[in-house]
Full PDB file with SEQRES, HELIX, SHEET, SSBOND, CRYST1, ORIGX, SCALE, CONECT and MASTER records, all heavy atoms in Angstrom:
SEQRES   1 A   43  ALA ALA ARG THR ARG PRO ARG PRO SER SER GLY GLY ARG          
SEQRES   2 A   43  PRO VAL TRP MET GLY GLU PRO SER LYS LEU GLY VAL GLY          
SEQRES   3 A   43  ALA ARG GLY LEU VAL LEU GLY LEU GLY CYS LEU ALA VAL          
SEQRES   4 A   43  LEU VAL PRO PHE                                              
HELIX    1 AA1 VAL A   15  MET A   17  5                                   3    
HELIX    2 AA2 LYS A   22  LEU A   40  1                                  19    
CRYST1    1.000    1.000    1.000  90.00  90.00  90.00 P 1           1          
ORIGX1      1.000000  0.000000  0.000000        0.00000                         
ORIGX2      0.000000  1.000000  0.000000        0.00000                         
ORIGX3      0.000000  0.000000  1.000000        0.00000                         
SCALE1      1.000000  0.000000  0.000000        0.00000                         
SCALE2      0.000000  1.000000  0.000000        0.00000                         
SCALE3      0.000000  0.000000  1.000000        0.00000                         
ATOM      1  N   ALA A   1      99.370  24.584 166.823  1.00  0.00           N  
ATOM      2  CA  ALA A   1      99.241  23.662 165.708  1.00  0.00           C  
ATOM      3  C   ALA A   1      99.530  22.218 166.192  1.00  0.00           C  
ATOM      4  O   ALA A   1      98.867  21.264 165.762  1.00  0.00           O  
ATOM      5  CB  ALA A   1     100.198  24.038 164.577  1.00  0.00           C  
ATOM      6  N   ALA A   2     100.547  22.046 167.054  1.00  0.00           N  
ATOM      7  CA  ALA A   2     100.883  20.735 167.574  1.00  0.00           C  
ATOM      8  C   ALA A   2      99.763  20.153 168.433  1.00  0.00           C  
ATOM      9  O   ALA A   2      99.457  18.955 168.414  1.00  0.00           O  
ATOM     10  CB  ALA A   2     102.185  20.769 168.361  1.00  0.00           C  
ATOM     11  N   ARG A   3      99.078  21.068 169.214  1.00  0.00           N  
ATOM     12  CA  ARG A   3      98.004  20.585 170.079  1.00  0.00           C  
ATOM     13  C   ARG A   3      96.725  20.226 169.272  1.00  0.00           C  
ATOM     14  O   ARG A   3      96.034  19.314 169.637  1.00  0.00           O  
ATOM     15  CB  ARG A   3      97.623  21.652 171.133  1.00  0.00           C  
ATOM     16  CG  ARG A   3      98.697  21.763 172.219  1.00  0.00           C  
ATOM     17  CD  ARG A   3      98.086  22.572 173.373  1.00  0.00           C  
ATOM     18  NE  ARG A   3      97.676  23.898 172.969  1.00  0.00           N  
ATOM     19  CZ  ARG A   3      98.405  25.030 173.005  1.00  0.00           C  
ATOM     20  NH1 ARG A   3      99.646  24.920 173.522  1.00  0.00           N  
ATOM     21  NH2 ARG A   3      97.934  26.157 172.602  1.00  0.00           N  
ATOM     22  N   THR A   4      96.440  20.977 168.200  1.00  0.00           N  
ATOM     23  CA  THR A   4      95.250  20.739 167.398  1.00  0.00           C  
ATOM     24  C   THR A   4      95.458  19.844 166.253  1.00  0.00           C  
ATOM     25  O   THR A   4      94.434  19.464 165.603  1.00  0.00           O  
ATOM     26  CB  THR A   4      94.755  22.116 166.883  1.00  0.00           C  
ATOM     27  OG1 THR A   4      95.797  22.685 166.063  1.00  0.00           O  
ATOM     28  CG2 THR A   4      94.414  23.056 168.009  1.00  0.00           C  
ATOM     29  N   ARG A   5      96.681  19.350 165.979  1.00  0.00           N  
ATOM     30  CA  ARG A   5      96.839  18.435 164.861  1.00  0.00           C  
ATOM     31  C   ARG A   5      96.242  17.089 165.200  1.00  0.00           C  
ATOM     32  O   ARG A   5      96.480  16.518 166.258  1.00  0.00           O  
ATOM     33  CB  ARG A   5      98.352  18.228 164.585  1.00  0.00           C  
ATOM     34  CG  ARG A   5      98.632  17.361 163.334  1.00  0.00           C  
ATOM     35  CD  ARG A   5     100.130  17.150 163.190  1.00  0.00           C  
ATOM     36  NE  ARG A   5     100.805  18.447 162.949  1.00  0.00           N  
ATOM     37  CZ  ARG A   5     101.729  18.883 163.803  1.00  0.00           C  
ATOM     38  NH1 ARG A   5     102.128  18.156 164.854  1.00  0.00           N  
ATOM     39  NH2 ARG A   5     102.317  20.050 163.565  1.00  0.00           N  
ATOM     40  N   PRO A   6      95.412  16.530 164.273  1.00  0.00           N  
ATOM     41  CA  PRO A   6      94.744  15.228 164.548  1.00  0.00           C  
ATOM     42  C   PRO A   6      95.809  14.123 164.599  1.00  0.00           C  
ATOM     43  O   PRO A   6      96.635  14.008 163.739  1.00  0.00           O  
ATOM     44  CB  PRO A   6      93.821  15.036 163.367  1.00  0.00           C  
ATOM     45  CG  PRO A   6      94.197  15.987 162.336  1.00  0.00           C  
ATOM     46  CD  PRO A   6      94.958  17.086 163.013  1.00  0.00           C  
ATOM     47  N   ARG A   7      95.761  13.365 165.717  1.00  0.00           N  
ATOM     48  CA  ARG A   7      96.704  12.310 165.894  1.00  0.00           C  
ATOM     49  C   ARG A   7      96.001  10.937 165.671  1.00  0.00           C  
ATOM     50  O   ARG A   7      94.924  10.747 166.138  1.00  0.00           O  
ATOM     51  CB  ARG A   7      97.292  12.310 167.327  1.00  0.00           C  
ATOM     52  CG  ARG A   7      98.146  13.548 167.560  1.00  0.00           C  
ATOM     53  CD  ARG A   7      98.558  13.581 168.993  1.00  0.00           C  
ATOM     54  NE  ARG A   7      97.347  13.549 169.881  1.00  0.00           N  
ATOM     55  CZ  ARG A   7      97.250  14.307 170.917  1.00  0.00           C  
ATOM     56  NH1 ARG A   7      98.201  15.110 171.289  1.00  0.00           N  
ATOM     57  NH2 ARG A   7      96.157  14.192 171.690  1.00  0.00           N  
ATOM     58  N   PRO A   8      96.683  10.039 164.918  1.00  0.00           N  
ATOM     59  CA  PRO A   8      96.017   8.723 164.712  1.00  0.00           C  
ATOM     60  C   PRO A   8      95.975   7.960 165.992  1.00  0.00           C  
ATOM     61  O   PRO A   8      96.971   7.954 166.800  1.00  0.00           O  
ATOM     62  CB  PRO A   8      96.930   8.083 163.656  1.00  0.00           C  
ATOM     63  CG  PRO A   8      98.236   8.781 163.825  1.00  0.00           C  
ATOM     64  CD  PRO A   8      97.949  10.158 164.245  1.00  0.00           C  
ATOM     65  N   SER A   9      94.908   7.240 166.181  1.00  0.00           N  
ATOM     66  CA  SER A   9      94.803   6.347 167.366  1.00  0.00           C  
ATOM     67  C   SER A   9      95.405   4.996 167.006  1.00  0.00           C  
ATOM     68  O   SER A   9      95.973   4.769 165.953  1.00  0.00           O  
ATOM     69  CB  SER A   9      93.292   6.189 167.755  1.00  0.00           C  
ATOM     70  OG  SER A   9      92.619   5.591 166.709  1.00  0.00           O  
ATOM     71  N   SER A  10      95.251   4.053 167.923  1.00  0.00           N  
ATOM     72  CA  SER A  10      95.856   2.745 167.698  1.00  0.00           C  
ATOM     73  C   SER A  10      95.192   2.057 166.540  1.00  0.00           C  
ATOM     74  O   SER A  10      95.816   1.251 165.854  1.00  0.00           O  
ATOM     75  CB  SER A  10      95.652   1.895 168.996  1.00  0.00           C  
ATOM     76  OG  SER A  10      94.293   1.783 169.336  1.00  0.00           O  
ATOM     77  N   GLY A  11      93.967   2.313 166.203  1.00  0.00           N  
ATOM     78  CA  GLY A  11      93.323   1.676 165.096  1.00  0.00           C  
ATOM     79  C   GLY A  11      93.468   2.417 163.751  1.00  0.00           C  
ATOM     80  O   GLY A  11      92.879   2.033 162.797  1.00  0.00           O  
ATOM     81  N   GLY A  12      94.304   3.447 163.734  1.00  0.00           N  
ATOM     82  CA  GLY A  12      94.532   4.134 162.505  1.00  0.00           C  
ATOM     83  C   GLY A  12      93.544   5.265 162.231  1.00  0.00           C  
ATOM     84  O   GLY A  12      93.542   5.910 161.207  1.00  0.00           O  
ATOM     85  N   ARG A  13      92.649   5.550 163.165  1.00  0.00           N  
ATOM     86  CA  ARG A  13      91.615   6.638 163.025  1.00  0.00           C  
ATOM     87  C   ARG A  13      92.094   7.808 163.852  1.00  0.00           C  
ATOM     88  O   ARG A  13      92.629   7.688 164.915  1.00  0.00           O  
ATOM     89  CB  ARG A  13      90.259   6.125 163.576  1.00  0.00           C  
ATOM     90  CG  ARG A  13      89.654   4.972 162.814  1.00  0.00           C  
ATOM     91  CD  ARG A  13      88.501   4.404 163.565  1.00  0.00           C  
ATOM     92  NE  ARG A  13      87.489   5.387 163.869  1.00  0.00           N  
ATOM     93  CZ  ARG A  13      86.466   5.681 163.047  1.00  0.00           C  
ATOM     94  NH1 ARG A  13      86.339   5.059 161.901  1.00  0.00           N  
ATOM     95  NH2 ARG A  13      85.587   6.599 163.379  1.00  0.00           N  
ATOM     96  N   PRO A  14      91.881   9.020 163.251  1.00  0.00           N  
ATOM     97  CA  PRO A  14      92.227  10.266 164.046  1.00  0.00           C  
ATOM     98  C   PRO A  14      91.414  10.312 165.302  1.00  0.00           C  
ATOM     99  O   PRO A  14      90.294   9.822 165.441  1.00  0.00           O  
ATOM    100  CB  PRO A  14      91.789  11.396 163.054  1.00  0.00           C  
ATOM    101  CG  PRO A  14      91.758  10.744 161.707  1.00  0.00           C  
ATOM    102  CD  PRO A  14      91.395   9.322 161.922  1.00  0.00           C  
ATOM    103  N   VAL A  15      92.067  10.944 166.337  1.00  0.00           N  
ATOM    104  CA  VAL A  15      91.462  11.011 167.663  1.00  0.00           C  
ATOM    105  C   VAL A  15      90.161  11.785 167.626  1.00  0.00           C  
ATOM    106  O   VAL A  15      89.190  11.425 168.288  1.00  0.00           O  
ATOM    107  CB  VAL A  15      92.446  11.673 168.698  1.00  0.00           C  
ATOM    108  CG1 VAL A  15      91.788  11.866 170.029  1.00  0.00           C  
ATOM    109  CG2 VAL A  15      93.689  10.768 168.813  1.00  0.00           C  
ATOM    110  N   TRP A  16      90.103  12.862 166.797  1.00  0.00           N  
ATOM    111  CA  TRP A  16      88.927  13.714 166.812  1.00  0.00           C  
ATOM    112  C   TRP A  16      87.663  12.934 166.237  1.00  0.00           C  
ATOM    113  O   TRP A  16      86.537  13.340 166.514  1.00  0.00           O  
ATOM    114  CB  TRP A  16      89.153  14.943 165.954  1.00  0.00           C  
ATOM    115  CG  TRP A  16      89.521  14.697 164.555  1.00  0.00           C  
ATOM    116  CD1 TRP A  16      90.811  14.557 164.010  1.00  0.00           C  
ATOM    117  CD2 TRP A  16      88.654  14.554 163.403  1.00  0.00           C  
ATOM    118  NE1 TRP A  16      90.774  14.363 162.710  1.00  0.00           N  
ATOM    119  CE2 TRP A  16      89.500  14.327 162.270  1.00  0.00           C  
ATOM    120  CE3 TRP A  16      87.253  14.631 163.260  1.00  0.00           C  
ATOM    121  CZ2 TRP A  16      88.944  14.132 161.041  1.00  0.00           C  
ATOM    122  CZ3 TRP A  16      86.761  14.402 161.987  1.00  0.00           C  
ATOM    123  CH2 TRP A  16      87.574  14.201 160.890  1.00  0.00           C  
ATOM    124  N   MET A  17      87.911  11.829 165.494  1.00  0.00           N  
ATOM    125  CA  MET A  17      86.784  11.085 164.966  1.00  0.00           C  
ATOM    126  C   MET A  17      86.197  10.193 166.041  1.00  0.00           C  
ATOM    127  O   MET A  17      84.988   9.821 166.008  1.00  0.00           O  
ATOM    128  CB  MET A  17      87.204  10.211 163.805  1.00  0.00           C  
ATOM    129  CG  MET A  17      87.533  11.009 162.554  1.00  0.00           C  
ATOM    130  SD  MET A  17      87.988   9.999 161.142  1.00  0.00           S  
ATOM    131  CE  MET A  17      86.445   9.124 160.834  1.00  0.00           C  
ATOM    132  N   GLY A  18      86.957   9.801 167.045  1.00  0.00           N  
ATOM    133  CA  GLY A  18      86.474   8.981 168.096  1.00  0.00           C  
ATOM    134  C   GLY A  18      86.347   7.529 167.687  1.00  0.00           C  
ATOM    135  O   GLY A  18      86.466   7.191 166.532  1.00  0.00           O  
ATOM    136  N   GLU A  19      86.165   6.644 168.663  1.00  0.00           N  
ATOM    137  CA  GLU A  19      86.006   5.262 168.387  1.00  0.00           C  
ATOM    138  C   GLU A  19      84.555   4.918 167.949  1.00  0.00           C  
ATOM    139  O   GLU A  19      83.658   5.505 168.538  1.00  0.00           O  
ATOM    140  CB  GLU A  19      86.397   4.414 169.628  1.00  0.00           C  
ATOM    141  CG  GLU A  19      87.852   4.523 170.015  1.00  0.00           C  
ATOM    142  CD  GLU A  19      88.748   3.901 169.010  1.00  0.00           C  
ATOM    143  OE1 GLU A  19      88.288   3.004 168.224  1.00  0.00           O  
ATOM    144  OE2 GLU A  19      89.929   4.341 168.870  1.00  0.00           O  
ATOM    145  N   PRO A  20      84.421   4.052 166.976  1.00  0.00           N  
ATOM    146  CA  PRO A  20      83.052   3.744 166.553  1.00  0.00           C  
ATOM    147  C   PRO A  20      82.301   2.980 167.655  1.00  0.00           C  
ATOM    148  O   PRO A  20      82.872   2.109 168.353  1.00  0.00           O  
ATOM    149  CB  PRO A  20      83.262   2.788 165.356  1.00  0.00           C  
ATOM    150  CG  PRO A  20      84.623   2.203 165.554  1.00  0.00           C  
ATOM    151  CD  PRO A  20      85.443   3.296 166.230  1.00  0.00           C  
ATOM    152  N   SER A  21      81.057   3.335 167.875  1.00  0.00           N  
ATOM    153  CA  SER A  21      80.242   2.672 168.858  1.00  0.00           C  
ATOM    154  C   SER A  21      79.787   1.273 168.413  1.00  0.00           C  
ATOM    155  O   SER A  21      79.749   0.988 167.189  1.00  0.00           O  
ATOM    156  CB  SER A  21      79.043   3.524 169.197  1.00  0.00           C  
ATOM    157  OG  SER A  21      78.212   3.650 168.060  1.00  0.00           O  
ATOM    158  N   LYS A  22      79.479   0.442 169.344  1.00  0.00           N  
ATOM    159  CA  LYS A  22      79.003  -0.907 169.026  1.00  0.00           C  
ATOM    160  C   LYS A  22      77.717  -0.880 168.255  1.00  0.00           C  
ATOM    161  O   LYS A  22      77.435  -1.703 167.351  1.00  0.00           O  
ATOM    162  CB  LYS A  22      78.862  -1.738 170.289  1.00  0.00           C  
ATOM    163  CG  LYS A  22      80.167  -1.987 170.980  1.00  0.00           C  
ATOM    164  CD  LYS A  22      79.946  -2.902 172.208  1.00  0.00           C  
ATOM    165  CE  LYS A  22      81.261  -3.177 172.943  1.00  0.00           C  
ATOM    166  NZ  LYS A  22      81.050  -4.038 174.160  1.00  0.00           N  
ATOM    167  N   LEU A  23      76.887   0.130 168.606  1.00  0.00           N  
ATOM    168  CA  LEU A  23      75.593   0.271 167.861  1.00  0.00           C  
ATOM    169  C   LEU A  23      75.850   0.609 166.390  1.00  0.00           C  
ATOM    170  O   LEU A  23      75.163   0.098 165.505  1.00  0.00           O  
ATOM    171  CB  LEU A  23      74.754   1.337 168.572  1.00  0.00           C  
ATOM    172  CG  LEU A  23      73.357   1.627 167.901  1.00  0.00           C  
ATOM    173  CD1 LEU A  23      72.530   0.312 167.931  1.00  0.00           C  
ATOM    174  CD2 LEU A  23      72.658   2.690 168.629  1.00  0.00           C  
ATOM    175  N   GLY A  24      76.762   1.537 166.196  1.00  0.00           N  
ATOM    176  CA  GLY A  24      77.094   1.946 164.766  1.00  0.00           C  
ATOM    177  C   GLY A  24      77.691   0.796 163.969  1.00  0.00           C  
ATOM    178  O   GLY A  24      77.289   0.534 162.836  1.00  0.00           O  
ATOM    179  N   VAL A  25      78.600  -0.005 164.608  1.00  0.00           N  
ATOM    180  CA  VAL A  25      79.164  -1.116 163.890  1.00  0.00           C  
ATOM    181  C   VAL A  25      78.095  -2.172 163.618  1.00  0.00           C  
ATOM    182  O   VAL A  25      78.013  -2.762 162.494  1.00  0.00           O  
ATOM    183  CB  VAL A  25      80.284  -1.749 164.719  1.00  0.00           C  
ATOM    184  CG1 VAL A  25      80.812  -3.034 164.136  1.00  0.00           C  
ATOM    185  CG2 VAL A  25      81.463  -0.725 164.910  1.00  0.00           C  
ATOM    186  N   GLY A  26      77.205  -2.427 164.546  1.00  0.00           N  
ATOM    187  CA  GLY A  26      76.139  -3.393 164.353  1.00  0.00           C  
ATOM    188  C   GLY A  26      75.161  -2.936 163.239  1.00  0.00           C  
ATOM    189  O   GLY A  26      74.713  -3.757 162.469  1.00  0.00           O  
ATOM    190  N   ALA A  27      74.850  -1.594 163.260  1.00  0.00           N  
ATOM    191  CA  ALA A  27      73.949  -1.116 162.224  1.00  0.00           C  
ATOM    192  C   ALA A  27      74.539  -1.228 160.812  1.00  0.00           C  
ATOM    193  O   ALA A  27      73.870  -1.603 159.855  1.00  0.00           O  
ATOM    194  CB  ALA A  27      73.622   0.334 162.478  1.00  0.00           C  
ATOM    195  N   ARG A  28      75.840  -0.931 160.658  1.00  0.00           N  
ATOM    196  CA  ARG A  28      76.503  -1.089 159.413  1.00  0.00           C  
ATOM    197  C   ARG A  28      76.539  -2.524 158.968  1.00  0.00           C  
ATOM    198  O   ARG A  28      76.307  -2.861 157.792  1.00  0.00           O  
ATOM    199  CB  ARG A  28      77.916  -0.521 159.432  1.00  0.00           C  
ATOM    200  CG  ARG A  28      77.961   1.030 159.446  1.00  0.00           C  
ATOM    201  CD  ARG A  28      79.351   1.523 159.113  1.00  0.00           C  
ATOM    202  NE  ARG A  28      80.298   1.153 160.164  1.00  0.00           N  
ATOM    203  CZ  ARG A  28      80.604   1.922 161.180  1.00  0.00           C  
ATOM    204  NH1 ARG A  28      80.025   3.091 161.364  1.00  0.00           N  
ATOM    205  NH2 ARG A  28      81.532   1.550 162.058  1.00  0.00           N  
ATOM    206  N   GLY A  29      76.849  -3.406 159.900  1.00  0.00           N  
ATOM    207  CA  GLY A  29      76.825  -4.859 159.556  1.00  0.00           C  
ATOM    208  C   GLY A  29      75.476  -5.325 159.163  1.00  0.00           C  
ATOM    209  O   GLY A  29      75.333  -6.140 158.214  1.00  0.00           O  
ATOM    210  N   LEU A  30      74.423  -4.827 159.818  1.00  0.00           N  
ATOM    211  CA  LEU A  30      73.065  -5.202 159.438  1.00  0.00           C  
ATOM    212  C   LEU A  30      72.705  -4.706 158.022  1.00  0.00           C  
ATOM    213  O   LEU A  30      72.105  -5.489 157.260  1.00  0.00           O  
ATOM    214  CB  LEU A  30      72.057  -4.665 160.509  1.00  0.00           C  
ATOM    215  CG  LEU A  30      70.589  -4.958 160.220  1.00  0.00           C  
ATOM    216  CD1 LEU A  30      70.350  -6.465 160.250  1.00  0.00           C  
ATOM    217  CD2 LEU A  30      69.722  -4.252 161.277  1.00  0.00           C  
ATOM    218  N   VAL A  31      73.057  -3.476 157.732  1.00  0.00           N  
ATOM    219  CA  VAL A  31      72.771  -2.944 156.374  1.00  0.00           C  
ATOM    220  C   VAL A  31      73.473  -3.727 155.331  1.00  0.00           C  
ATOM    221  O   VAL A  31      72.933  -4.040 154.270  1.00  0.00           O  
ATOM    222  CB  VAL A  31      73.100  -1.455 156.345  1.00  0.00           C  
ATOM    223  CG1 VAL A  31      72.947  -0.915 154.917  1.00  0.00           C  
ATOM    224  CG2 VAL A  31      72.180  -0.671 157.244  1.00  0.00           C  
ATOM    225  N   LEU A  32      74.787  -4.023 155.540  1.00  0.00           N  
ATOM    226  CA  LEU A  32      75.534  -4.746 154.556  1.00  0.00           C  
ATOM    227  C   LEU A  32      74.984  -6.166 154.427  1.00  0.00           C  
ATOM    228  O   LEU A  32      74.929  -6.704 153.278  1.00  0.00           O  
ATOM    229  CB  LEU A  32      77.019  -4.787 154.967  1.00  0.00           C  
ATOM    230  CG  LEU A  32      77.777  -3.472 154.891  1.00  0.00           C  
ATOM    231  CD1 LEU A  32      79.235  -3.693 155.414  1.00  0.00           C  
ATOM    232  CD2 LEU A  32      77.838  -3.008 153.479  1.00  0.00           C  
ATOM    233  N   GLY A  33      74.593  -6.800 155.499  1.00  0.00           N  
ATOM    234  CA  GLY A  33      74.034  -8.105 155.417  1.00  0.00           C  
ATOM    235  C   GLY A  33      72.745  -8.145 154.658  1.00  0.00           C  
ATOM    236  O   GLY A  33      72.470  -9.061 153.810  1.00  0.00           O  
ATOM    237  N   LEU A  34      71.872  -7.158 154.912  1.00  0.00           N  
ATOM    238  CA  LEU A  34      70.568  -7.082 154.168  1.00  0.00           C  
ATOM    239  C   LEU A  34      70.805  -6.833 152.684  1.00  0.00           C  
ATOM    240  O   LEU A  34      70.170  -7.375 151.803  1.00  0.00           O  
ATOM    241  CB  LEU A  34      69.700  -5.986 154.740  1.00  0.00           C  
ATOM    242  CG  LEU A  34      69.130  -6.256 156.151  1.00  0.00           C  
ATOM    243  CD1 LEU A  34      68.361  -4.986 156.622  1.00  0.00           C  
ATOM    244  CD2 LEU A  34      68.275  -7.505 156.168  1.00  0.00           C  
ATOM    245  N   GLY A  35      71.837  -5.996 152.381  1.00  0.00           N  
ATOM    246  CA  GLY A  35      72.193  -5.776 150.963  1.00  0.00           C  
ATOM    247  C   GLY A  35      72.663  -7.052 150.291  1.00  0.00           C  
ATOM    248  O   GLY A  35      72.312  -7.303 149.139  1.00  0.00           O  
ATOM    249  N   CYS A  36      73.511  -7.801 150.979  1.00  0.00           N  
ATOM    250  CA  CYS A  36      73.997  -9.084 150.439  1.00  0.00           C  
ATOM    251  C   CYS A  36      72.846 -10.060 150.206  1.00  0.00           C  
ATOM    252  O   CYS A  36      72.758 -10.702 149.185  1.00  0.00           O  
ATOM    253  CB  CYS A  36      75.041  -9.682 151.304  1.00  0.00           C  
ATOM    254  SG  CYS A  36      76.602  -8.779 151.397  1.00  0.00           S  
ATOM    255  N   LEU A  37      71.917 -10.131 151.146  1.00  0.00           N  
ATOM    256  CA  LEU A  37      70.782 -10.995 151.001  1.00  0.00           C  
ATOM    257  C   LEU A  37      69.910 -10.587 149.856  1.00  0.00           C  
ATOM    258  O   LEU A  37      69.378 -11.427 149.079  1.00  0.00           O  
ATOM    259  CB  LEU A  37      69.976 -11.017 152.313  1.00  0.00           C  
ATOM    260  CG  LEU A  37      70.623 -11.784 153.517  1.00  0.00           C  
ATOM    261  CD1 LEU A  37      69.675 -11.702 154.723  1.00  0.00           C  
ATOM    262  CD2 LEU A  37      70.846 -13.258 153.183  1.00  0.00           C  
ATOM    263  N   ALA A  38      69.749  -9.326 149.679  1.00  0.00           N  
ATOM    264  CA  ALA A  38      68.899  -8.828 148.545  1.00  0.00           C  
ATOM    265  C   ALA A  38      69.475  -9.172 147.236  1.00  0.00           C  
ATOM    266  O   ALA A  38      68.763  -9.320 146.227  1.00  0.00           O  
ATOM    267  CB  ALA A  38      68.721  -7.249 148.680  1.00  0.00           C  
ATOM    268  N   VAL A  39      70.821  -9.324 147.164  1.00  0.00           N  
ATOM    269  CA  VAL A  39      71.465  -9.726 145.905  1.00  0.00           C  
ATOM    270  C   VAL A  39      71.532 -11.275 145.722  1.00  0.00           C  
ATOM    271  O   VAL A  39      71.290 -11.787 144.606  1.00  0.00           O  
ATOM    272  CB  VAL A  39      72.894  -9.150 145.868  1.00  0.00           C  
ATOM    273  CG1 VAL A  39      73.626  -9.664 144.581  1.00  0.00           C  
ATOM    274  CG2 VAL A  39      72.817  -7.612 145.798  1.00  0.00           C  
ATOM    275  N   LEU A  40      71.811 -11.962 146.845  1.00  0.00           N  
ATOM    276  CA  LEU A  40      72.066 -13.446 146.756  1.00  0.00           C  
ATOM    277  C   LEU A  40      70.817 -14.243 146.731  1.00  0.00           C  
ATOM    278  O   LEU A  40      70.782 -15.245 146.039  1.00  0.00           O  
ATOM    279  CB  LEU A  40      72.940 -13.861 147.924  1.00  0.00           C  
ATOM    280  CG  LEU A  40      74.387 -13.304 147.941  1.00  0.00           C  
ATOM    281  CD1 LEU A  40      75.136 -13.754 149.169  1.00  0.00           C  
ATOM    282  CD2 LEU A  40      75.127 -13.695 146.676  1.00  0.00           C  
ATOM    283  N   VAL A  41      69.796 -13.861 147.450  1.00  0.00           N  
ATOM    284  CA  VAL A  41      68.597 -14.682 147.478  1.00  0.00           C  
ATOM    285  C   VAL A  41      67.958 -14.821 146.157  1.00  0.00           C  
ATOM    286  O   VAL A  41      67.523 -15.964 145.768  1.00  0.00           O  
ATOM    287  CB  VAL A  41      67.627 -14.087 148.559  1.00  0.00           C  
ATOM    288  CG1 VAL A  41      66.220 -14.771 148.513  1.00  0.00           C  
ATOM    289  CG2 VAL A  41      68.194 -14.290 149.974  1.00  0.00           C  
ATOM    290  N   PRO A  42      67.723 -13.762 145.399  1.00  0.00           N  
ATOM    291  CA  PRO A  42      67.120 -13.990 144.041  1.00  0.00           C  
ATOM    292  C   PRO A  42      67.959 -14.863 143.147  1.00  0.00           C  
ATOM    293  O   PRO A  42      67.400 -15.758 142.429  1.00  0.00           O  
ATOM    294  CB  PRO A  42      67.029 -12.558 143.466  1.00  0.00           C  
ATOM    295  CG  PRO A  42      67.004 -11.671 144.644  1.00  0.00           C  
ATOM    296  CD  PRO A  42      67.856 -12.341 145.672  1.00  0.00           C  
ATOM    297  N   PHE A  43      69.297 -14.693 143.165  1.00  0.00           N  
ATOM    298  CA  PHE A  43      70.118 -15.538 142.326  1.00  0.00           C  
ATOM    299  C   PHE A  43      70.075 -16.971 142.828  1.00  0.00           C  
ATOM    300  O   PHE A  43      70.080 -17.913 141.978  1.00  0.00           O  
ATOM    301  CB  PHE A  43      71.560 -15.004 142.342  1.00  0.00           C  
ATOM    302  CG  PHE A  43      72.478 -15.753 141.471  1.00  0.00           C  
ATOM    303  CD1 PHE A  43      72.474 -15.571 140.097  1.00  0.00           C  
ATOM    304  CD2 PHE A  43      73.392 -16.702 141.973  1.00  0.00           C  
ATOM    305  CE1 PHE A  43      73.319 -16.264 139.242  1.00  0.00           C  
ATOM    306  CE2 PHE A  43      74.221 -17.398 141.132  1.00  0.00           C  
ATOM    307  CZ  PHE A  43      74.167 -17.202 139.762  1.00  0.00           C  
TER     308      PHE A  43                                                      
MASTER        0    0    0    2    0    0    0    6  307    1    0    4          
END                                                                             
């Protein structure tokens, strides 16, 4: 149980989740940016 228990990493994320890739972070930022533009540009 001690070996398999998920341990938080330095960023507060469990080790088994792994570190987010730069591509994933960039994709999420792009989607959020497009969502903000879709709301702000018409207004």
